[in-house]
Amino acid sequence: MKTATDTDWSVELSPLLRRIVDQDRAALKRLYDLTGARLMGVAMRILQDEGEAADLLQEVYMKLWRQASQYSGAGSAWGWLCVLTRNAALDKLKSRQRKREDLMDDVEPLMADLAGEGCGLADQEGMRQCLEKLNEEPRKAILLSYIHGYSHGELETRLERPLGTIKAWIRRGLQELKQCLEA
């Protein structure tokens, strides 16, 4: 059952947006207090990553600060904020997918380079088979690090994963690779 306070927050949004057009910082803070958690939920449902959703929300509020005048006042202010957040999250999702596709374009030639460097034909095939047995993430991290020369920090950015995860992938992947090659 909805109470009066459950719906009262939304009536404040249009006046707050008009004040934000005039660069009223207190209005932006109040708008954030009223909508931040709810918009975080919108972003989380799409991105499925708390860190990315939090970053996205910051971008949405920065855009809102610069472009609040785009809200016409004709429709629901809450609906407009949701659409703004949803569109930004979908753009981020598309960007993430493009980055991963670009990375996959890089990985195949790297596998060929790694398998081919100074190894005899039998060694090349063994290396290729062992690399293919690795899970995708450790394999990409190892190839990008050891063949392409990426630092762990660069991999963190490129693969969009925490540094600890990158290091764990490389460590476990190298252990599995060693065991496979020794077998």
C-alpha atoms as a PDB file:
ATOM      1  CA  MET A   1       0.000   0.000   0.000  1.00  0.00           C
ATOM      2  CA  LYS A   2       1.369   3.409  -0.959  1.00  0.00           C
ATOM      3  CA  THR A   3       1.492   6.112   1.634  1.00  0.00           C
ATOM      4  CA  ALA A   4       1.402   9.840   1.000  1.00  0.00           C
ATOM      5  CA  THR A   5       5.156  10.081   1.522  1.00  0.00           C
ATOM      6  CA  ASP A   6       5.779   7.407  -1.140  1.00  0.00           C
ATOM      7  CA  THR A   7       4.367   9.676  -3.848  1.00  0.00           C
ATOM      8  CA  ASP A   8       5.121  13.139  -2.445  1.00  0.00           C
ATOM      9  CA  TRP A   9       8.758  13.006  -3.530  1.00  0.00           C
ATOM     10  CA  SER A  10       7.876  13.004  -7.229  1.00  0.00           C
ATOM     11  CA  VAL A  11       5.928  16.283  -7.102  1.00  0.00           C
ATOM     12  CA  GLU A  12       9.142  18.089  -6.143  1.00  0.00           C
ATOM     13  CA  LEU A  13      11.031  17.008  -9.256  1.00  0.00           C
ATOM     14  CA  SER A  14       9.740  19.487 -11.863  1.00  0.00           C
ATOM     15  CA  PRO A  15      10.368  22.557  -9.689  1.00  0.00           C
ATOM     16  CA  LEU A  16      13.817  21.204  -8.821  1.00  0.00           C
ATOM     17  CA  LEU A  17      14.664  20.736 -12.498  1.00  0.00           C
ATOM     18  CA  ARG A  18      13.625  24.338 -13.216  1.00  0.00           C
ATOM     19  CA  ARG A  19      15.925  25.514 -10.401  1.00  0.00           C
ATOM     20  CA  ILE A  20      18.781  23.374 -11.750  1.00  0.00           C
ATOM     21  CA  VAL A  21      18.467  25.198 -15.089  1.00  0.00           C
ATOM     22  CA  ASP A  22      19.448  28.299 -13.079  1.00  0.00           C
ATOM     23  CA  GLN A  23      22.463  26.380 -11.664  1.00  0.00           C
ATOM     24  CA  ASP A  24      20.978  26.009  -8.168  1.00  0.00           C
ATOM     25  CA  ARG A  25      23.305  23.536  -6.427  1.00  0.00           C
ATOM     26  CA  ALA A  26      20.922  22.993  -3.514  1.00  0.00           C
ATOM     27  CA  ALA A  27      18.259  21.905  -6.007  1.00  0.00           C
ATOM     28  CA  LEU A  28      20.648  19.389  -7.575  1.00  0.00           C
ATOM     29  CA  LYS A  29      21.508  17.993  -4.140  1.00  0.00           C
ATOM     30  CA  ARG A  30      17.818  17.677  -3.243  1.00  0.00           C
ATOM     31  CA  LEU A  31      17.086  16.026  -6.599  1.00  0.00           C
ATOM     32  CA  TYR A  32      19.904  13.559  -5.973  1.00  0.00           C
ATOM     33  CA  ASP A  33      18.621  12.829  -2.460  1.00  0.00           C
ATOM     34  CA  LEU A  34      15.163  12.101  -3.857  1.00  0.00           C
ATOM     35  CA  THR A  35      16.144  10.108  -6.937  1.00  0.00           C
ATOM     36  CA  GLY A  36      19.687   8.752  -6.511  1.00  0.00           C
ATOM     37  CA  ALA A  37      18.810   5.360  -5.037  1.00  0.00           C
ATOM     38  CA  ARG A  38      15.915   4.852  -7.442  1.00  0.00           C
ATOM     39  CA  LEU A  39      17.987   5.748 -10.512  1.00  0.00           C
ATOM     40  CA  MET A  40      20.774   3.508  -9.217  1.00  0.00           C
ATOM     41  CA  GLY A  41      18.231   0.685  -9.405  1.00  0.00           C
ATOM     42  CA  VAL A  42      17.466   1.552 -13.034  1.00  0.00           C
ATOM     43  CA  ALA A  43      21.175   1.541 -13.917  1.00  0.00           C
ATOM     44  CA  MET A  44      21.848  -1.696 -11.987  1.00  0.00           C
ATOM     45  CA  ARG A  45      19.056  -3.575 -13.761  1.00  0.00           C
ATOM     46  CA  ILE A  46      20.692  -2.784 -17.088  1.00  0.00           C
ATOM     47  CA  LEU A  47      24.415  -2.877 -16.293  1.00  0.00           C
ATOM     48  CA  GLN A  48      24.457  -5.599 -13.606  1.00  0.00           C
ATOM     49  CA  ASP A  49      27.595  -4.008 -12.135  1.00  0.00           C
ATOM     50  CA  GLU A  50      27.489  -1.751  -9.086  1.00  0.00           C
ATOM     51  CA  GLY A  51      30.687   0.139  -9.885  1.00  0.00           C
ATOM     52  CA  GLU A  52      29.641   0.857 -13.454  1.00  0.00           C
ATOM     53  CA  ALA A  53      26.154   1.842 -12.330  1.00  0.00           C
ATOM     54  CA  ALA A  54      27.568   4.289  -9.762  1.00  0.00           C
ATOM     55  CA  ASP A  55      29.883   5.822 -12.379  1.00  0.00           C
ATOM     56  CA  LEU A  56      27.012   6.068 -14.819  1.00  0.00           C
ATOM     57  CA  LEU A  57      24.809   7.781 -12.252  1.00  0.00           C
ATOM     58  CA  GLN A  58      27.499  10.396 -11.670  1.00  0.00           C
ATOM     59  CA  GLU A  59      27.613  11.010 -15.437  1.00  0.00           C
ATOM     60  CA  VAL A  60      23.814  11.295 -15.563  1.00  0.00           C
ATOM     61  CA  TYR A  61      23.746  13.931 -12.815  1.00  0.00           C
ATOM     62  CA  MET A  62      26.598  15.845 -14.469  1.00  0.00           C
ATOM     63  CA  LYS A  63      24.695  15.797 -17.762  1.00  0.00           C
ATOM     64  CA  LEU A  64      21.561  16.847 -15.925  1.00  0.00           C
ATOM     65  CA  TRP A  65      23.431  19.800 -14.407  1.00  0.00           C
ATOM     66  CA  ARG A  66      24.555  20.941 -17.856  1.00  0.00           C
ATOM     67  CA  GLN A  67      21.374  20.125 -19.778  1.00  0.00           C
ATOM     68  CA  ALA A  68      18.439  20.438 -17.379  1.00  0.00           C
ATOM     69  CA  SER A  69      16.843  22.888 -19.812  1.00  0.00           C
ATOM     70  CA  GLN A  70      16.121  19.939 -22.118  1.00  0.00           C
ATOM     71  CA  TYR A  71      13.314  18.899 -19.781  1.00  0.00           C
ATOM     72  CA  SER A  72      10.246  20.490 -21.371  1.00  0.00           C
ATOM     73  CA  GLY A  73       7.967  20.128 -18.375  1.00  0.00           C
ATOM     74  CA  ALA A  74       5.334  18.492 -20.572  1.00  0.00           C
ATOM     75  CA  GLY A  75       5.726  14.988 -19.189  1.00  0.00           C
ATOM     76  CA  SER A  76       6.651  13.377 -15.916  1.00  0.00           C
ATOM     77  CA  ALA A  77       9.953  14.615 -14.519  1.00  0.00           C
ATOM     78  CA  TRP A  78      10.543  11.185 -13.001  1.00  0.00           C
ATOM     79  CA  GLY A  79       9.894   9.516 -16.367  1.00  0.00           C
ATOM     80  CA  TRP A  80      12.347  11.899 -18.042  1.00  0.00           C
ATOM     81  CA  LEU A  81      15.034  11.093 -15.439  1.00  0.00           C
ATOM     82  CA  CYS A  82      14.439   7.365 -15.920  1.00  0.00           C
ATOM     83  CA  VAL A  83      14.748   7.666 -19.708  1.00  0.00           C
ATOM     84  CA  LEU A  84      17.937   9.725 -19.322  1.00  0.00           C
ATOM     85  CA  THR A  85      19.425   7.048 -17.047  1.00  0.00           C
ATOM     86  CA  ARG A  86      18.209   4.128 -19.139  1.00  0.00           C
ATOM     87  CA  ASN A  87      19.593   5.596 -22.364  1.00  0.00           C
ATOM     88  CA  ALA A  88      22.968   6.301 -20.747  1.00  0.00           C
ATOM     89  CA  ALA A  89      23.089   2.739 -19.369  1.00  0.00           C
ATOM     90  CA  LEU A  90      22.217   1.227 -22.748  1.00  0.00           C
ATOM     91  CA  ASP A  91      24.930   3.352 -24.391  1.00  0.00           C
ATOM     92  CA  LYS A  92      27.425   2.093 -21.800  1.00  0.00           C
ATOM     93  CA  LEU A  93      26.324  -1.494 -22.453  1.00  0.00           C
ATOM     94  CA  LYS A  94      26.834  -1.065 -26.212  1.00  0.00           C
ATOM     95  CA  SER A  95      30.244   0.496 -25.605  1.00  0.00           C
ATOM     96  CA  ARG A  96      31.239  -2.389 -23.329  1.00  0.00           C
ATOM     97  CA  GLN A  97      30.226  -4.904 -26.009  1.00  0.00           C
ATOM     98  CA  ARG A  98      32.204  -3.040 -28.703  1.00  0.00           C
ATOM     99  CA  LYS A  99      35.307  -3.035 -26.486  1.00  0.00           C
ATOM    100  CA  ARG A 100      35.009  -6.776 -25.916  1.00  0.00           C
ATOM    101  CA  GLU A 101      34.550  -7.437 -29.639  1.00  0.00           C
ATOM    102  CA  ASP A 102      37.618  -5.295 -30.403  1.00  0.00           C
ATOM    103  CA  LEU A 103      39.573  -7.277 -27.823  1.00  0.00           C
ATOM    104  CA  MET A 104      38.552 -10.582 -29.394  1.00  0.00           C
ATOM    105  CA  ASP A 105      39.805  -9.291 -32.755  1.00  0.00           C
ATOM    106  CA  ASP A 106      43.208  -8.785 -31.073  1.00  0.00           C
ATOM    107  CA  VAL A 107      43.365 -12.131 -29.251  1.00  0.00           C
ATOM    108  CA  GLU A 108      43.434 -14.544 -32.201  1.00  0.00           C
ATOM    109  CA  PRO A 109      46.608 -13.095 -33.799  1.00  0.00           C
ATOM    110  CA  LEU A 110      48.220 -13.011 -30.356  1.00  0.00           C
ATOM    111  CA  MET A 111      47.540 -16.715 -29.878  1.00  0.00           C
ATOM    112  CA  ALA A 112      49.240 -17.411 -33.199  1.00  0.00           C
ATOM    113  CA  ASP A 113      52.219 -15.239 -32.178  1.00  0.00           C
ATOM    114  CA  LEU A 114      52.606 -16.952 -28.816  1.00  0.00           C
ATOM    115  CA  ALA A 115      52.388 -20.419 -30.291  1.00  0.00           C
ATOM    116  CA  GLY A 116      54.812 -19.532 -33.068  1.00  0.00           C
ATOM    117  CA  GLU A 117      57.632 -17.793 -31.199  1.00  0.00           C
ATOM    118  CA  GLY A 118      60.723 -19.971 -31.364  1.00  0.00           C
ATOM    119  CA  CYS A 119      58.891 -23.238 -30.936  1.00  0.00           C
ATOM    120  CA  GLY A 120      59.067 -26.320 -33.083  1.00  0.00           C
ATOM    121  CA  LEU A 121      55.890 -27.491 -34.802  1.00  0.00           C
ATOM    122  CA  ALA A 122      55.075 -30.001 -32.034  1.00  0.00           C
ATOM    123  CA  ASP A 123      55.673 -27.340 -29.359  1.00  0.00           C
ATOM    124  CA  GLN A 124      53.476 -24.860 -31.238  1.00  0.00           C
ATOM    125  CA  GLU A 125      50.594 -27.300 -31.370  1.00  0.00           C
ATOM    126  CA  GLY A 126      51.001 -28.200 -27.689  1.00  0.00           C
ATOM    127  CA  MET A 127      51.041 -24.531 -26.715  1.00  0.00           C
ATOM    128  CA  ARG A 128      47.979 -23.806 -28.830  1.00  0.00           C
ATOM    129  CA  GLN A 129      46.074 -26.733 -27.301  1.00  0.00           C
ATOM    130  CA  CYS A 130      46.997 -25.700 -23.768  1.00  0.00           C
ATOM    131  CA  LEU A 131      46.017 -22.078 -24.421  1.00  0.00           C
ATOM    132  CA  GLU A 132      42.687 -23.175 -25.832  1.00  0.00           C
ATOM    133  CA  LYS A 133      41.996 -25.187 -22.654  1.00  0.00           C
ATOM    134  CA  LEU A 134      42.242 -22.041 -20.527  1.00  0.00           C
ATOM    135  CA  ASN A 135      39.100 -20.116 -19.695  1.00  0.00           C
ATOM    136  CA  GLU A 136      38.611 -17.102 -21.941  1.00  0.00           C
ATOM    137  CA  GLU A 137      39.486 -14.392 -19.386  1.00  0.00           C
ATOM    138  CA  PRO A 138      42.817 -15.837 -18.173  1.00  0.00           C
ATOM    139  CA  ARG A 139      43.801 -16.635 -21.761  1.00  0.00           C
ATOM    140  CA  LYS A 140      43.123 -13.046 -22.899  1.00  0.00           C
ATOM    141  CA  ALA A 141      44.963 -11.595 -19.894  1.00  0.00           C
ATOM    142  CA  ILE A 142      48.026 -13.801 -20.449  1.00  0.00           C
ATOM    143  CA  LEU A 143      48.198 -13.138 -24.176  1.00  0.00           C
ATOM    144  CA  LEU A 144      47.743  -9.403 -23.830  1.00  0.00           C
ATOM    145  CA  SER A 145      50.306  -9.242 -21.032  1.00  0.00           C
ATOM    146  CA  TYR A 146      53.039 -11.518 -22.346  1.00  0.00           C
ATOM    147  CA  ILE A 147      52.697 -11.015 -26.096  1.00  0.00           C
ATOM    148  CA  HIS A 148      51.224  -7.565 -26.505  1.00  0.00           C
ATOM    149  CA  GLY A 149      53.120  -6.095 -23.544  1.00  0.00           C
ATOM    150  CA  TYR A 150      50.208  -4.705 -21.540  1.00  0.00           C
ATOM    151  CA  SER A 151      50.898  -3.940 -17.885  1.00  0.00           C
ATOM    152  CA  HIS A 152      48.466  -5.227 -15.266  1.00  0.00           C
ATOM    153  CA  GLY A 153      47.139  -1.680 -14.866  1.00  0.00           C
ATOM    154  CA  GLU A 154      46.529  -1.372 -18.597  1.00  0.00           C
ATOM    155  CA  LEU A 155      44.747  -4.730 -18.573  1.00  0.00           C
ATOM    156  CA  GLU A 156      42.542  -3.491 -15.739  1.00  0.00           C
ATOM    157  CA  THR A 157      41.376  -0.660 -18.001  1.00  0.00           C
ATOM    158  CA  ARG A 158      41.226  -2.670 -21.217  1.00  0.00           C
ATOM    159  CA  LEU A 159      39.352  -5.659 -19.760  1.00  0.00           C
ATOM    160  CA  GLU A 160      37.247  -3.504 -17.415  1.00  0.00           C
ATOM    161  CA  ARG A 161      37.979  -5.673 -14.394  1.00  0.00           C
ATOM    162  CA  PRO A 162      39.617  -4.959 -11.007  1.00  0.00           C
ATOM    163  CA  LEU A 163      43.402  -5.235 -10.784  1.00  0.00           C
ATOM    164  CA  GLY A 164      43.191  -8.116  -8.291  1.00  0.00           C
ATOM    165  CA  THR A 165      41.038 -10.081 -10.716  1.00  0.00           C
ATOM    166  CA  ILE A 166      43.513  -9.493 -13.562  1.00  0.00           C
ATOM    167  CA  LYS A 167      46.429 -10.688 -11.412  1.00  0.00           C
ATOM    168  CA  ALA A 168      44.492 -13.756 -10.261  1.00  0.00           C
ATOM    169  CA  TRP A 169      43.571 -14.649 -13.853  1.00  0.00           C
ATOM    170  CA  ILE A 170      47.186 -14.416 -14.962  1.00  0.00           C
ATOM    171  CA  ARG A 171      48.520 -16.368 -11.970  1.00  0.00           C
ATOM    172  CA  ARG A 172      45.958 -19.178 -12.290  1.00  0.00           C
ATOM    173  CA  GLY A 173      46.234 -19.213 -16.076  1.00  0.00           C
ATOM    174  CA  LEU A 174      50.024 -19.552 -15.970  1.00  0.00           C
ATOM    175  CA  GLN A 175      49.737 -22.367 -13.409  1.00  0.00           C
ATOM    176  CA  GLU A 176      47.245 -24.208 -15.617  1.00  0.00           C
ATOM    177  CA  LEU A 177      49.389 -23.582 -18.697  1.00  0.00           C
ATOM    178  CA  LYS A 178      52.472 -24.968 -16.938  1.00  0.00           C
ATOM    179  CA  GLN A 179      50.607 -28.078 -15.779  1.00  0.00           C
ATOM    180  CA  CYS A 180      49.219 -28.653 -19.262  1.00  0.00           C
ATOM    181  CA  LEU A 181      52.608 -28.266 -20.962  1.00  0.00           C
ATOM    182  CA  GLU A 182      54.283 -30.612 -18.446  1.00  0.00           C
ATOM    183  CA  ALA A 183      51.652 -33.324 -18.948  1.00  0.00           C
END
